[in-house]
Amino acid sequence: MTIKFYKSIKKLQIQKYFQFIIKNKFKDLEIILHKKVKLFDGKIILSGRKSVIGFTRKIFLKKKIKINNIIILQDTKYKITLCKFDLNIGKKKLKVIDEFFFDKDNKILNITVYKR
């Protein structure tokens, strides 16, 4: 596996993650999340695929979501990917940075959310 291919897998996983959320396909998140995934969102810390998917569903279900100006930065040495984007949920506008850690099978292991 070449490094370029390895990078593209992570980008695809991130793109799938956001597409599943936007299209309210939360069950499909199971494909790209590790079973012991952890989510850090401010003071909220969740562990386990079902908890993370449930929390994500609670926030985004049946809401108008728009993601703009997405920038994806990768560091293959540490298996980390950063995403910077503008998020519109209904009438709320947020600037968000998501930090994704991947396991050896390129499944999302940790997600840390920083809001500005």
Protein backbone atom coordinates (compact mmCIF):
# COMPACT_ATOMS: atom_id res chain seq x y z
CA MET A 1 0.00 0.00 0.00
CA THR A 2 1.50 3.32 -1.00
CA ILE A 3 1.36 6.43 1.15
CA LYS A 4 -0.84 8.26 -1.36
CA PHE A 5 -3.36 5.41 -1.28
CA TYR A 6 -3.22 5.36 2.50
CA LYS A 7 -3.98 9.09 2.62
CA SER A 8 -6.87 8.75 0.19
CA ILE A 9 -8.52 6.08 2.36
CA LYS A 10 -8.58 8.48 5.31
CA LYS A 11 -9.99 11.27 3.18
CA LEU A 12 -12.70 8.94 1.91
CA GLN A 13 -13.55 7.88 5.46
CA ILE A 14 -13.90 11.52 6.53
CA GLN A 15 -16.02 12.35 3.48
CA LYS A 16 -18.26 9.33 4.17
CA TYR A 17 -18.58 10.40 7.81
CA PHE A 18 -19.90 13.83 6.85
CA GLN A 19 -22.11 12.48 4.03
CA PHE A 20 -23.78 9.99 6.37
CA ILE A 21 -24.51 12.76 8.87
CA ILE A 22 -25.85 15.18 6.26
CA LYS A 23 -28.08 12.51 4.70
CA ASN A 24 -29.28 11.24 8.13
CA LYS A 25 -27.83 7.77 7.47
CA PHE A 26 -26.63 7.24 11.02
CA LYS A 27 -26.75 3.45 10.84
CA ASP A 28 -24.14 3.59 8.06
CA LEU A 29 -21.69 5.23 10.49
CA GLU A 30 -21.11 1.75 11.93
CA ILE A 31 -19.09 0.91 8.80
CA ILE A 32 -16.46 3.60 9.38
CA LEU A 33 -16.36 3.79 13.20
CA HIS A 34 -14.28 1.45 15.36
CA LYS A 35 -16.38 -0.43 17.93
CA LYS A 36 -14.48 1.33 20.76
CA VAL A 37 -14.65 4.81 19.21
CA LYS A 38 -14.44 7.79 21.58
CA LEU A 39 -15.96 11.22 21.05
CA PHE A 40 -14.70 14.29 22.89
CA ASP A 41 -16.97 17.32 22.43
CA GLY A 42 -16.22 19.97 25.02
CA LYS A 43 -17.19 18.51 28.39
CA ILE A 44 -18.96 15.56 26.77
CA ILE A 45 -16.97 12.33 26.51
CA LEU A 46 -18.63 9.31 24.91
CA SER A 47 -17.25 5.83 24.42
CA GLY A 48 -18.53 3.08 22.16
CA ARG A 49 -20.01 3.06 18.69
CA LYS A 50 -23.67 2.99 19.85
CA SER A 51 -23.18 5.95 22.20
CA VAL A 52 -21.40 8.05 19.58
CA ILE A 53 -23.98 7.29 16.89
CA GLY A 54 -26.84 8.01 19.32
CA PHE A 55 -25.32 11.35 20.31
CA THR A 56 -24.70 12.29 16.68
CA ARG A 57 -28.28 11.33 15.78
CA LYS A 58 -29.63 13.42 18.67
CA ILE A 59 -27.80 16.53 17.43
CA PHE A 60 -28.30 16.23 13.67
CA LEU A 61 -31.49 14.20 13.05
CA LYS A 62 -34.05 16.02 10.88
CA LYS A 63 -32.16 19.29 10.96
CA LYS A 64 -30.99 21.28 7.98
CA ILE A 65 -27.21 20.81 7.90
CA LYS A 66 -24.73 22.50 5.65
CA ILE A 67 -20.95 22.08 5.73
CA ASN A 68 -18.89 24.71 3.94
CA ASN A 69 -15.20 25.44 3.35
CA ILE A 70 -13.97 22.01 4.40
CA ILE A 71 -10.20 21.67 4.63
CA ILE A 72 -8.65 18.27 5.41
CA LEU A 73 -5.08 18.01 6.73
CA GLN A 74 -3.39 14.64 7.27
CA ASP A 75 -0.40 13.28 9.13
CA THR A 76 0.10 9.63 8.20
CA LYS A 77 2.92 9.11 10.70
CA TYR A 78 0.57 9.63 13.66
CA LYS A 79 -2.63 8.38 11.95
CA ILE A 80 -4.35 11.70 12.54
CA THR A 81 -6.52 13.86 10.29
CA LEU A 82 -7.75 17.38 10.99
CA CYS A 83 -10.83 18.87 9.35
CA LYS A 84 -11.65 22.55 9.49
CA PHE A 85 -15.07 23.67 8.28
CA ASP A 86 -18.03 25.97 8.77
CA LEU A 87 -21.13 24.20 10.05
CA ASN A 88 -24.67 25.49 9.73
CA ILE A 89 -27.30 23.64 11.78
CA GLY A 90 -30.60 25.32 11.16
CA LYS A 91 -29.90 28.98 11.90
CA LYS A 92 -26.80 28.32 14.05
CA LYS A 93 -23.42 28.97 12.45
CA LEU A 94 -20.31 27.38 13.93
CA LYS A 95 -16.66 27.20 12.98
CA VAL A 96 -15.46 23.70 13.80
CA ILE A 97 -12.21 21.77 13.83
CA ASP A 98 -12.52 17.98 14.09
CA GLU A 99 -9.54 15.84 14.97
CA PHE A 100 -9.80 12.20 13.83
CA PHE A 101 -7.53 9.36 14.95
CA PHE A 102 -7.59 6.13 12.96
CA ASP A 103 -6.76 2.54 13.83
CA LYS A 104 -4.62 0.27 11.66
CA ASP A 105 -7.69 -0.69 9.59
CA ASN A 106 -8.47 3.00 8.86
CA LYS A 107 -11.58 3.02 11.04
CA ILE A 108 -12.21 6.13 13.12
CA LEU A 109 -10.96 5.50 16.66
CA ASN A 110 -11.20 8.96 18.30
CA ILE A 111 -13.02 12.14 17.35
CA THR A 112 -12.25 15.41 19.13
CA VAL A 113 -14.44 18.40 18.32
CA TYR A 114 -13.24 21.97 18.80
CA LYS A 115 -15.76 24.78 18.26
CA ARG A 116 -14.77 28.40 17.68
